[in-house]
Full PDB file with SEQRES, HELIX, SHEET, SSBOND, CRYST1, ORIGX, SCALE, CONECT and MASTER records, all heavy atoms in Angstrom:
SEQRES   1 A   41  VAL LEU ALA LEU THR LEU THR ALA CYS GLY GLY GLY GLY          
SEQRES   2 A   41  VAL ALA LYS SER ASP SER ASP ASN LYS LEU THR ILE TRP          
SEQRES   3 A   41  MET MET THR GLY GLY PRO GLY ASP ASN PRO LEU ILE LYS          
SEQRES   4 A   41  GLU VAL                                                      
HELIX    1 AA1 LEU A    2  CYS A    9  1                                   8    
HELIX    2 AA2 PRO A   32  ASP A   34  5                                   3    
HELIX    3 AA3 PRO A   36  GLU A   40  1                                   5    
CRYST1    1.000    1.000    1.000  90.00  90.00  90.00 P 1           1          
ORIGX1      1.000000  0.000000  0.000000        0.00000                         
ORIGX2      0.000000  1.000000  0.000000        0.00000                         
ORIGX3      0.000000  0.000000  1.000000        0.00000                         
SCALE1      1.000000  0.000000  0.000000        0.00000                         
SCALE2      0.000000  1.000000  0.000000        0.00000                         
SCALE3      0.000000  0.000000  1.000000        0.00000                         
ATOM      1  N   VAL A   1      97.910  87.076  84.647  1.00  0.00           N  
ATOM      2  CA  VAL A   1      98.093  88.270  83.809  1.00  0.00           C  
ATOM      3  C   VAL A   1      96.738  88.798  83.363  1.00  0.00           C  
ATOM      4  O   VAL A   1      96.498  90.012  83.399  1.00  0.00           O  
ATOM      5  CB  VAL A   1      98.984  87.930  82.594  1.00  0.00           C  
ATOM      6  CG1 VAL A   1      99.026  89.083  81.603  1.00  0.00           C  
ATOM      7  CG2 VAL A   1     100.393  87.543  83.039  1.00  0.00           C  
ATOM      8  N   LEU A   2      95.854  87.937  82.985  1.00  0.00           N  
ATOM      9  CA  LEU A   2      94.506  88.340  82.573  1.00  0.00           C  
ATOM     10  C   LEU A   2      93.756  88.969  83.746  1.00  0.00           C  
ATOM     11  O   LEU A   2      93.092  89.995  83.597  1.00  0.00           O  
ATOM     12  CB  LEU A   2      93.740  87.139  82.025  1.00  0.00           C  
ATOM     13  CG  LEU A   2      92.312  87.403  81.564  1.00  0.00           C  
ATOM     14  CD1 LEU A   2      92.296  88.389  80.400  1.00  0.00           C  
ATOM     15  CD2 LEU A   2      91.628  86.111  81.192  1.00  0.00           C  
ATOM     16  N   ALA A   3      93.890  88.375  84.929  1.00  0.00           N  
ATOM     17  CA  ALA A   3      93.217  88.920  86.103  1.00  0.00           C  
ATOM     18  C   ALA A   3      93.736  90.306  86.441  1.00  0.00           C  
ATOM     19  O   ALA A   3      92.960  91.217  86.772  1.00  0.00           O  
ATOM     20  CB  ALA A   3      93.398  87.979  87.287  1.00  0.00           C  
ATOM     21  N   LEU A   4      95.057  90.502  86.377  1.00  0.00           N  
ATOM     22  CA  LEU A   4      95.615  91.825  86.652  1.00  0.00           C  
ATOM     23  C   LEU A   4      95.178  92.853  85.608  1.00  0.00           C  
ATOM     24  O   LEU A   4      94.906  93.998  85.932  1.00  0.00           O  
ATOM     25  CB  LEU A   4      97.145  91.747  86.704  1.00  0.00           C  
ATOM     26  CG  LEU A   4      97.734  91.104  87.953  1.00  0.00           C  
ATOM     27  CD1 LEU A   4      99.238  90.939  87.800  1.00  0.00           C  
ATOM     28  CD2 LEU A   4      97.410  91.921  89.180  1.00  0.00           C  
ATOM     29  N   THR A   5      95.119  92.422  84.367  1.00  0.00           N  
ATOM     30  CA  THR A   5      94.686  93.332  83.302  1.00  0.00           C  
ATOM     31  C   THR A   5      93.240  93.758  83.521  1.00  0.00           C  
ATOM     32  O   THR A   5      92.914  94.939  83.397  1.00  0.00           O  
ATOM     33  CB  THR A   5      94.830  92.659  81.924  1.00  0.00           C  
ATOM     34  OG1 THR A   5      96.182  92.234  81.761  1.00  0.00           O  
ATOM     35  CG2 THR A   5      94.461  93.594  80.812  1.00  0.00           C  
ATOM     36  N   LEU A   6      92.383  92.830  83.863  1.00  0.00           N  
ATOM     37  CA  LEU A   6      90.980  93.172  84.088  1.00  0.00           C  
ATOM     38  C   LEU A   6      90.813  94.045  85.322  1.00  0.00           C  
ATOM     39  O   LEU A   6      89.967  94.946  85.352  1.00  0.00           O  
ATOM     40  CB  LEU A   6      90.145  91.894  84.229  1.00  0.00           C  
ATOM     41  CG  LEU A   6      89.974  91.081  82.945  1.00  0.00           C  
ATOM     42  CD1 LEU A   6      89.247  89.783  83.237  1.00  0.00           C  
ATOM     43  CD2 LEU A   6      89.239  91.886  81.892  1.00  0.00           C  
ATOM     44  N   THR A   7      91.626  93.812  86.325  1.00  0.00           N  
ATOM     45  CA  THR A   7      91.549  94.626  87.540  1.00  0.00           C  
ATOM     46  C   THR A   7      91.997  96.046  87.264  1.00  0.00           C  
ATOM     47  O   THR A   7      91.386  97.011  87.730  1.00  0.00           O  
ATOM     48  CB  THR A   7      92.433  94.016  88.649  1.00  0.00           C  
ATOM     49  OG1 THR A   7      92.009  92.687  88.881  1.00  0.00           O  
ATOM     50  CG2 THR A   7      92.328  94.821  89.925  1.00  0.00           C  
ATOM     51  N   ALA A   8      93.054  96.196  86.501  1.00  0.00           N  
ATOM     52  CA  ALA A   8      93.583  97.528  86.203  1.00  0.00           C  
ATOM     53  C   ALA A   8      92.660  98.311  85.279  1.00  0.00           C  
ATOM     54  O   ALA A   8      92.500  99.523  85.429  1.00  0.00           O  
ATOM     55  CB  ALA A   8      94.971  97.404  85.573  1.00  0.00           C  
ATOM     56  N   CYS A   9      92.063  97.632  84.329  1.00  0.00           N  
ATOM     57  CA  CYS A   9      91.222  98.324  83.359  1.00  0.00           C  
ATOM     58  C   CYS A   9      89.766  98.392  83.773  1.00  0.00           C  
ATOM     59  O   CYS A   9      88.984  99.123  83.200  1.00  0.00           O  
ATOM     60  CB  CYS A   9      91.320  97.636  82.000  1.00  0.00           C  
ATOM     61  SG  CYS A   9      92.973  97.737  81.287  1.00  0.00           S  
ATOM     62  N   GLY A  10      89.365  97.607  84.737  1.00  0.00           N  
ATOM     63  CA  GLY A  10      87.966  97.582  85.171  1.00  0.00           C  
ATOM     64  C   GLY A  10      87.626  98.799  86.008  1.00  0.00           C  
ATOM     65  O   GLY A  10      88.473  99.581  86.401  1.00  0.00           O  
ATOM     66  N   GLY A  11      86.381  98.966  86.290  1.00  0.00           N  
ATOM     67  CA  GLY A  11      85.985 100.080  87.136  1.00  0.00           C  
ATOM     68  C   GLY A  11      84.940 100.961  86.500  1.00  0.00           C  
ATOM     69  O   GLY A  11      84.294 101.730  87.168  1.00  0.00           O  
ATOM     70  N   GLY A  12      84.762 100.874  85.223  1.00  0.00           N  
ATOM     71  CA  GLY A  12      83.690 101.606  84.569  1.00  0.00           C  
ATOM     72  C   GLY A  12      83.904 103.091  84.394  1.00  0.00           C  
ATOM     73  O   GLY A  12      82.952 103.836  84.276  1.00  0.00           O  
ATOM     74  N   GLY A  13      85.125 103.553  84.420  1.00  0.00           N  
ATOM     75  CA  GLY A  13      85.377 104.972  84.152  1.00  0.00           C  
ATOM     76  C   GLY A  13      85.389 105.826  85.406  1.00  0.00           C  
ATOM     77  O   GLY A  13      85.352 105.337  86.524  1.00  0.00           O  
ATOM     78  N   VAL A  14      85.420 107.121  85.190  1.00  0.00           N  
ATOM     79  CA  VAL A  14      85.531 108.074  86.283  1.00  0.00           C  
ATOM     80  C   VAL A  14      84.137 108.453  86.774  1.00  0.00           C  
ATOM     81  O   VAL A  14      83.281 108.826  85.994  1.00  0.00           O  
ATOM     82  CB  VAL A  14      86.282 109.340  85.814  1.00  0.00           C  
ATOM     83  CG1 VAL A  14      86.355 110.347  86.932  1.00  0.00           C  
ATOM     84  CG2 VAL A  14      87.663 108.972  85.312  1.00  0.00           C  
ATOM     85  N   ALA A  15      83.951 108.357  88.079  1.00  0.00           N  
ATOM     86  CA  ALA A  15      82.662 108.736  88.658  1.00  0.00           C  
ATOM     87  C   ALA A  15      82.721 110.208  89.047  1.00  0.00           C  
ATOM     88  O   ALA A  15      83.679 110.667  89.632  1.00  0.00           O  
ATOM     89  CB  ALA A  15      82.361 107.874  89.875  1.00  0.00           C  
ATOM     90  N   LYS A  16      81.684 110.948  88.681  1.00  0.00           N  
ATOM     91  CA  LYS A  16      81.641 112.362  89.039  1.00  0.00           C  
ATOM     92  C   LYS A  16      81.053 112.509  90.432  1.00  0.00           C  
ATOM     93  O   LYS A  16      80.077 111.852  90.773  1.00  0.00           O  
ATOM     94  CB  LYS A  16      80.801 113.138  88.025  1.00  0.00           C  
ATOM     95  CG  LYS A  16      81.408 113.170  86.653  1.00  0.00           C  
ATOM     96  CD  LYS A  16      80.619 114.043  85.716  1.00  0.00           C  
ATOM     97  CE  LYS A  16      81.294 114.097  84.355  1.00  0.00           C  
ATOM     98  NZ  LYS A  16      80.589 114.940  83.425  1.00  0.00           N  
ATOM     99  N   SER A  17      81.651 113.373  91.219  1.00  0.00           N  
ATOM    100  CA  SER A  17      81.150 113.604  92.574  1.00  0.00           C  
ATOM    101  C   SER A  17      80.280 114.855  92.585  1.00  0.00           C  
ATOM    102  O   SER A  17      80.458 115.770  91.800  1.00  0.00           O  
ATOM    103  CB  SER A  17      82.311 113.781  93.560  1.00  0.00           C  
ATOM    104  OG  SER A  17      83.065 114.912  93.218  1.00  0.00           O  
ATOM    105  N   ASP A  18      79.348 114.858  93.501  1.00  0.00           N  
ATOM    106  CA  ASP A  18      78.518 116.040  93.670  1.00  0.00           C  
ATOM    107  C   ASP A  18      79.293 117.044  94.524  1.00  0.00           C  
ATOM    108  O   ASP A  18      79.653 116.763  95.646  1.00  0.00           O  
ATOM    109  CB  ASP A  18      77.201 115.684  94.372  1.00  0.00           C  
ATOM    110  CG  ASP A  18      76.350 114.769  93.510  1.00  0.00           C  
ATOM    111  OD1 ASP A  18      76.450 114.865  92.273  1.00  0.00           O  
ATOM    112  OD2 ASP A  18      75.578 113.979  94.083  1.00  0.00           O  
ATOM    113  N   SER A  19      79.552 118.217  93.966  1.00  0.00           N  
ATOM    114  CA  SER A  19      80.332 119.220  94.689  1.00  0.00           C  
ATOM    115  C   SER A  19      79.454 120.409  95.034  1.00  0.00           C  
ATOM    116  O   SER A  19      78.687 120.888  94.213  1.00  0.00           O  
ATOM    117  CB  SER A  19      81.507 119.683  93.820  1.00  0.00           C  
ATOM    118  OG  SER A  19      82.211 120.705  94.479  1.00  0.00           O  
ATOM    119  N   ASP A  20      79.581 120.863  96.289  1.00  0.00           N  
ATOM    120  CA  ASP A  20      78.861 122.049  96.691  1.00  0.00           C  
ATOM    121  C   ASP A  20      79.824 123.227  96.855  1.00  0.00           C  
ATOM    122  O   ASP A  20      79.456 124.256  97.402  1.00  0.00           O  
ATOM    123  CB  ASP A  20      78.071 121.799  97.990  1.00  0.00           C  
ATOM    124  CG  ASP A  20      78.966 121.331  99.114  1.00  0.00           C  
ATOM    125  OD1 ASP A  20      80.181 121.210  98.915  1.00  0.00           O  
ATOM    126  OD2 ASP A  20      78.434 121.081 100.212  1.00  0.00           O  
ATOM    127  N   ASN A  21      81.070 123.038  96.389  1.00  0.00           N  
ATOM    128  CA  ASN A  21      82.108 124.073  96.441  1.00  0.00           C  
ATOM    129  C   ASN A  21      82.376 124.558  97.858  1.00  0.00           C  
ATOM    130  O   ASN A  21      82.667 125.717  98.085  1.00  0.00           O  
ATOM    131  CB  ASN A  21      81.766 125.254  95.539  1.00  0.00           C  
ATOM    132  CG  ASN A  21      81.744 124.848  94.084  1.00  0.00           C  
ATOM    133  OD1 ASN A  21      82.517 123.985  93.674  1.00  0.00           O  
ATOM    134  ND2 ASN A  21      80.880 125.444  93.297  1.00  0.00           N  
ATOM    135  N   LYS A  22      82.282 123.656  98.825  1.00  0.00           N  
ATOM    136  CA  LYS A  22      82.594 123.994 100.220  1.00  0.00           C  
ATOM    137  C   LYS A  22      83.765 123.138 100.668  1.00  0.00           C  
ATOM    138  O   LYS A  22      83.870 121.970 100.299  1.00  0.00           O  
ATOM    139  CB  LYS A  22      81.396 123.742 101.133  1.00  0.00           C  
ATOM    140  CG  LYS A  22      80.231 124.672 100.875  1.00  0.00           C  
ATOM    141  CD  LYS A  22      79.100 124.391 101.832  1.00  0.00           C  
ATOM    142  CE  LYS A  22      77.929 125.311 101.574  1.00  0.00           C  
ATOM    143  NZ  LYS A  22      76.794 125.009 102.442  1.00  0.00           N  
ATOM    144  N   LEU A  23      84.608 123.723 101.467  1.00  0.00           N  
ATOM    145  CA  LEU A  23      85.757 123.031 102.020  1.00  0.00           C  
ATOM    146  C   LEU A  23      85.580 122.934 103.527  1.00  0.00           C  
ATOM    147  O   LEU A  23      85.341 123.934 104.201  1.00  0.00           O  
ATOM    148  CB  LEU A  23      87.049 123.792 101.700  1.00  0.00           C  
ATOM    149  CG  LEU A  23      88.330 123.256 102.319  1.00  0.00           C  
ATOM    150  CD1 LEU A  23      88.640 121.876 101.743  1.00  0.00           C  
ATOM    151  CD2 LEU A  23      89.486 124.215 102.040  1.00  0.00           C  
ATOM    152  N   THR A  24      85.654 121.715 104.045  1.00  0.00           N  
ATOM    153  CA  THR A  24      85.527 121.504 105.480  1.00  0.00           C  
ATOM    154  C   THR A  24      86.902 121.284 106.067  1.00  0.00           C  
ATOM    155  O   THR A  24      87.634 120.420 105.618  1.00  0.00           O  
ATOM    156  CB  THR A  24      84.638 120.289 105.773  1.00  0.00           C  
ATOM    157  OG1 THR A  24      83.370 120.490 105.152  1.00  0.00           O  
ATOM    158  CG2 THR A  24      84.449 120.092 107.257  1.00  0.00           C  
ATOM    159  N   ILE A  25      87.245 122.055 107.074  1.00  0.00           N  
ATOM    160  CA  ILE A  25      88.525 121.920 107.761  1.00  0.00           C  
ATOM    161  C   ILE A  25      88.239 121.564 109.215  1.00  0.00           C  
ATOM    162  O   ILE A  25      87.488 122.262 109.901  1.00  0.00           O  
ATOM    163  CB  ILE A  25      89.344 123.228 107.688  1.00  0.00           C  
ATOM    164  CG1 ILE A  25      89.630 123.573 106.236  1.00  0.00           C  
ATOM    165  CG2 ILE A  25      90.620 123.096 108.489  1.00  0.00           C  
ATOM    166  CD1 ILE A  25      90.315 124.898 106.050  1.00  0.00           C  
ATOM    167  N   TRP A  26      88.843 120.493 109.665  1.00  0.00           N  
ATOM    168  CA  TRP A  26      88.666 120.060 111.042  1.00  0.00           C  
ATOM    169  C   TRP A  26      89.839 120.588 111.850  1.00  0.00           C  
ATOM    170  O   TRP A  26      90.991 120.300 111.558  1.00  0.00           O  
ATOM    171  CB  TRP A  26      88.628 118.531 111.122  1.00  0.00           C  
ATOM    172  CG  TRP A  26      87.421 117.981 110.452  1.00  0.00           C  
ATOM    173  CD1 TRP A  26      87.290 117.641 109.148  1.00  0.00           C  
ATOM    174  CD2 TRP A  26      86.147 117.745 111.048  1.00  0.00           C  
ATOM    175  NE1 TRP A  26      86.034 117.192 108.885  1.00  0.00           N  
ATOM    176  CE2 TRP A  26      85.305 117.243 110.049  1.00  0.00           C  
ATOM    177  CE3 TRP A  26      85.648 117.891 112.332  1.00  0.00           C  
ATOM    178  CZ2 TRP A  26      83.984 116.886 110.290  1.00  0.00           C  
ATOM    179  CZ3 TRP A  26      84.338 117.540 112.563  1.00  0.00           C  
ATOM    180  CH2 TRP A  26      83.507 117.039 111.564  1.00  0.00           C  
ATOM    181  N   MET A  27      89.553 121.356 112.876  1.00  0.00           N  
ATOM    182  CA  MET A  27      90.579 121.923 113.726  1.00  0.00           C  
ATOM    183  C   MET A  27      90.653 121.114 115.015  1.00  0.00           C  
ATOM    184  O   MET A  27      89.626 120.720 115.566  1.00  0.00           O  
ATOM    185  CB  MET A  27      90.271 123.386 114.060  1.00  0.00           C  
ATOM    186  CG  MET A  27      90.175 124.277 112.825  1.00  0.00           C  
ATOM    187  SD  MET A  27      91.714 124.428 111.931  1.00  0.00           S  
ATOM    188  CE  MET A  27      92.615 125.454 113.052  1.00  0.00           C  
ATOM    189  N   MET A  28      91.864 120.912 115.496  1.00  0.00           N  
ATOM    190  CA  MET A  28      92.058 120.166 116.724  1.00  0.00           C  
ATOM    191  C   MET A  28      92.399 121.147 117.830  1.00  0.00           C  
ATOM    192  O   MET A  28      93.315 121.952 117.691  1.00  0.00           O  
ATOM    193  CB  MET A  28      93.192 119.172 116.539  1.00  0.00           C  
ATOM    194  CG  MET A  28      93.441 118.287 117.688  1.00  0.00           C  
ATOM    195  SD  MET A  28      94.714 117.107 117.223  1.00  0.00           S  
ATOM    196  CE  MET A  28      95.341 116.696 118.810  1.00  0.00           C  
ATOM    197  N   THR A  29      91.632 121.105 118.892  1.00  0.00           N  
ATOM    198  CA  THR A  29      91.930 121.992 120.005  1.00  0.00           C  
ATOM    199  C   THR A  29      92.789 121.250 121.012  1.00  0.00           C  
ATOM    200  O   THR A  29      92.718 120.027 121.124  1.00  0.00           O  
ATOM    201  CB  THR A  29      90.638 122.471 120.699  1.00  0.00           C  
ATOM    202  OG1 THR A  29      89.938 121.335 121.166  1.00  0.00           O  
ATOM    203  CG2 THR A  29      89.771 123.274 119.753  1.00  0.00           C  
ATOM    204  N   GLY A  30      93.583 122.007 121.743  1.00  0.00           N  
ATOM    205  CA  GLY A  30      94.482 121.400 122.708  1.00  0.00           C  
ATOM    206  C   GLY A  30      95.650 120.748 121.995  1.00  0.00           C  
ATOM    207  O   GLY A  30      95.815 120.829 120.789  1.00  0.00           O  
ATOM    208  N   GLY A  31      96.443 120.103 122.718  1.00  0.00           N  
ATOM    209  CA  GLY A  31      97.586 119.428 122.144  1.00  0.00           C  
ATOM    210  C   GLY A  31      98.384 118.779 123.235  1.00  0.00           C  
ATOM    211  O   GLY A  31      98.030 118.862 124.419  1.00  0.00           O  
ATOM    212  N   PRO A  32      99.458 118.133 122.895  1.00  0.00           N  
ATOM    213  CA  PRO A  32     100.213 117.435 123.918  1.00  0.00           C  
ATOM    214  C   PRO A  32     100.818 118.387 124.955  1.00  0.00           C  
ATOM    215  O   PRO A  32     101.030 117.997 126.091  1.00  0.00           O  
ATOM    216  CB  PRO A  32     101.287 116.700 123.147  1.00  0.00           C  
ATOM    217  CG  PRO A  32     101.347 117.332 121.822  1.00  0.00           C  
ATOM    218  CD  PRO A  32     100.016 117.957 121.579  1.00  0.00           C  
ATOM    219  N   GLY A  33     101.089 119.622 124.592  1.00  0.00           N  
ATOM    220  CA  GLY A  33     101.671 120.556 125.546  1.00  0.00           C  
ATOM    221  C   GLY A  33     100.681 121.046 126.582  1.00  0.00           C  
ATOM    222  O   GLY A  33     101.075 121.571 127.613  1.00  0.00           O  
ATOM    223  N   ASP A  34      99.387 120.870 126.338  1.00  0.00           N  
ATOM    224  CA  ASP A  34      98.365 121.335 127.281  1.00  0.00           C  
ATOM    225  C   ASP A  34      98.164 120.357 128.433  1.00  0.00           C  
ATOM    226  O   ASP A  34      97.498 120.677 129.403  1.00  0.00           O  
ATOM    227  CB  ASP A  34      97.030 121.528 126.560  1.00  0.00           C  
ATOM    228  CG  ASP A  34      97.103 122.635 125.520  1.00  0.00           C  
ATOM    229  OD1 ASP A  34      98.052 123.431 125.587  1.00  0.00           O  
ATOM    230  OD2 ASP A  34      96.236 122.664 124.649  1.00  0.00           O  
ATOM    231  N   ASN A  35      98.727 119.185 128.364  1.00  0.00           N  
ATOM    232  CA  ASN A  35      98.542 118.164 129.362  1.00  0.00           C  
ATOM    233  C   ASN A  35      99.588 118.334 130.474  1.00  0.00           C  
ATOM    234  O   ASN A  35     100.782 118.332 130.202  1.00  0.00           O  
ATOM    235  CB  ASN A  35      98.685 116.787 128.702  1.00  0.00           C  
ATOM    236  CG  ASN A  35      98.338 115.657 129.620  1.00  0.00           C  
ATOM    237  OD1 ASN A  35      98.431 115.746 130.834  1.00  0.00           O  
ATOM    238  ND2 ASN A  35      97.931 114.558 129.002  1.00  0.00           N  
ATOM    239  N   PRO A  36      99.175 118.492 131.750  1.00  0.00           N  
ATOM    240  CA  PRO A  36     100.157 118.675 132.828  1.00  0.00           C  
ATOM    241  C   PRO A  36     101.120 117.512 132.976  1.00  0.00           C  
ATOM    242  O   PRO A  36     102.273 117.689 133.313  1.00  0.00           O  
ATOM    243  CB  PRO A  36      99.292 118.809 134.092  1.00  0.00           C  
ATOM    244  CG  PRO A  36      97.915 119.069 133.620  1.00  0.00           C  
ATOM    245  CD  PRO A  36      97.808 118.576 132.215  1.00  0.00           C  
ATOM    246  N   LEU A  37     100.657 116.289 132.703  1.00  0.00           N  
ATOM    247  CA  LEU A  37     101.523 115.119 132.807  1.00  0.00           C  
ATOM    248  C   LEU A  37     102.657 115.201 131.777  1.00  0.00           C  
ATOM    249  O   LEU A  37     103.818 114.941 132.098  1.00  0.00           O  
ATOM    250  CB  LEU A  37     100.709 113.835 132.607  1.00  0.00           C  
ATOM    251  CG  LEU A  37     101.502 112.543 132.617  1.00  0.00           C  
ATOM    252  CD1 LEU A  37     102.132 112.313 133.996  1.00  0.00           C  
ATOM    253  CD2 LEU A  37     100.622 111.364 132.253  1.00  0.00           C  
ATOM    254  N   ILE A  38     102.327 115.591 130.577  1.00  0.00           N  
ATOM    255  CA  ILE A  38     103.356 115.699 129.533  1.00  0.00           C  
ATOM    256  C   ILE A  38     104.324 116.835 129.845  1.00  0.00           C  
ATOM    257  O   ILE A  38     105.525 116.712 129.616  1.00  0.00           O  
ATOM    258  CB  ILE A  38     102.695 115.863 128.145  1.00  0.00           C  
ATOM    259  CG1 ILE A  38     101.931 114.585 127.842  1.00  0.00           C  
ATOM    260  CG2 ILE A  38     103.709 116.205 127.089  1.00  0.00           C  
ATOM    261  CD1 ILE A  38     101.510 114.351 126.461  1.00  0.00           C  
ATOM    262  N   LYS A  39     103.819 117.931 130.392  1.00  0.00           N  
ATOM    263  CA  LYS A  39     104.720 119.019 130.783  1.00  0.00           C  
ATOM    264  C   LYS A  39     105.702 118.549 131.849  1.00  0.00           C  
ATOM    265  O   LYS A  39     106.887 118.874 131.804  1.00  0.00           O  
ATOM    266  CB  LYS A  39     103.912 120.216 131.312  1.00  0.00           C  
ATOM    267  CG  LYS A  39     103.204 120.982 130.223  1.00  0.00           C  
ATOM    268  CD  LYS A  39     102.455 122.179 130.819  1.00  0.00           C  
ATOM    269  CE  LYS A  39     101.739 122.954 129.741  1.00  0.00           C  
ATOM    270  NZ  LYS A  39     100.999 124.095 130.284  1.00  0.00           N  
ATOM    271  N   GLU A  40     105.221 117.753 132.822  1.00  0.00           N  
ATOM    272  CA  GLU A  40     106.082 117.254 133.879  1.00  0.00           C  
ATOM    273  C   GLU A  40     107.132 116.278 133.336  1.00  0.00           C  
ATOM    274  O   GLU A  40     108.312 116.347 133.689  1.00  0.00           O  
ATOM    275  CB  GLU A  40     105.241 116.552 134.945  1.00  0.00           C  
ATOM    276  CG  GLU A  40     106.042 116.084 136.133  1.00  0.00           C  
ATOM    277  CD  GLU A  40     105.175 115.421 137.183  1.00  0.00           C  
ATOM    278  OE1 GLU A  40     103.954 115.689 137.237  1.00  0.00           O  
ATOM    279  OE2 GLU A  40     105.734 114.629 137.945  1.00  0.00           O  
ATOM    280  N   VAL A  41     106.726 115.399 132.451  1.00  0.00           N  
ATOM    281  CA  VAL A  41     107.665 114.438 131.855  1.00  0.00           C  
ATOM    282  C   VAL A  41     108.710 115.177 131.030  1.00  0.00           C  
ATOM    283  O   VAL A  41     109.897 114.856 131.077  1.00  0.00           O  
ATOM    284  CB  VAL A  41     106.912 113.395 131.002  1.00  0.00           C  
ATOM    285  CG1 VAL A  41     107.864 112.561 130.160  1.00  0.00           C  
ATOM    286  CG2 VAL A  41     106.066 112.505 131.887  1.00  0.00           C  
TER     287      VAL A  41                                                      
MASTER        0    0    0    3    0    0    0    6  286    1    0    4          
END                                                                             
Protein backbone atom coordinates (compact mmCIF):
# COMPACT_ATOMS: atom_id res chain seq x y z
CA VAL A 1 0.00 0.00 0.00
CA LEU A 2 2.83 2.38 0.84
CA ALA A 3 4.63 1.53 -2.40
CA LEU A 4 1.49 2.19 -4.46
CA THR A 5 0.87 5.45 -2.65
CA LEU A 6 4.41 6.66 -3.31
CA THR A 7 4.19 5.61 -6.95
CA ALA A 8 0.90 7.41 -7.48
CA CYS A 9 1.96 10.59 -5.71
CA GLY A 10 5.59 10.63 -6.86
CA GLY A 11 6.84 12.29 -9.97
CA GLY A 12 7.62 15.80 -8.85
CA GLY A 13 4.69 17.62 -10.41
CA VAL A 14 3.85 18.63 -13.94
CA ALA A 15 6.71 19.19 -16.35
CA LYS A 16 6.27 22.04 -18.81
CA SER A 17 7.09 21.29 -22.42
CA ASP A 18 8.73 23.67 -24.81
CA SER A 19 6.11 24.54 -27.43
CA ASP A 20 6.79 26.18 -30.76
CA ASN A 21 3.06 26.23 -31.62
CA LYS A 22 3.60 23.95 -34.63
CA LEU A 23 1.64 20.84 -35.43
CA THR A 24 3.32 18.05 -37.36
CA ILE A 25 1.08 15.73 -39.37
CA TRP A 26 2.51 12.61 -40.94
CA MET A 27 0.75 11.63 -44.15
CA MET A 28 0.89 8.11 -45.51
CA THR A 29 1.10 7.74 -49.25
CA GLY A 30 -0.24 4.70 -51.01
CA GLY A 31 -2.34 2.14 -49.30
CA PRO A 32 -3.43 -1.43 -49.50
CA GLY A 33 -5.55 -0.75 -52.59
CA ASP A 34 -2.51 0.42 -54.56
CA ASN A 35 -0.88 -3.00 -54.41
CA PRO A 36 -1.64 -5.22 -57.47
CA LEU A 37 -1.44 -8.37 -55.34
CA ILE A 38 -4.11 -7.10 -52.95
CA LYS A 39 -6.32 -6.04 -55.86
CA GLU A 40 -6.05 -9.56 -57.30
CA VAL A 41 -6.84 -11.23 -53.97
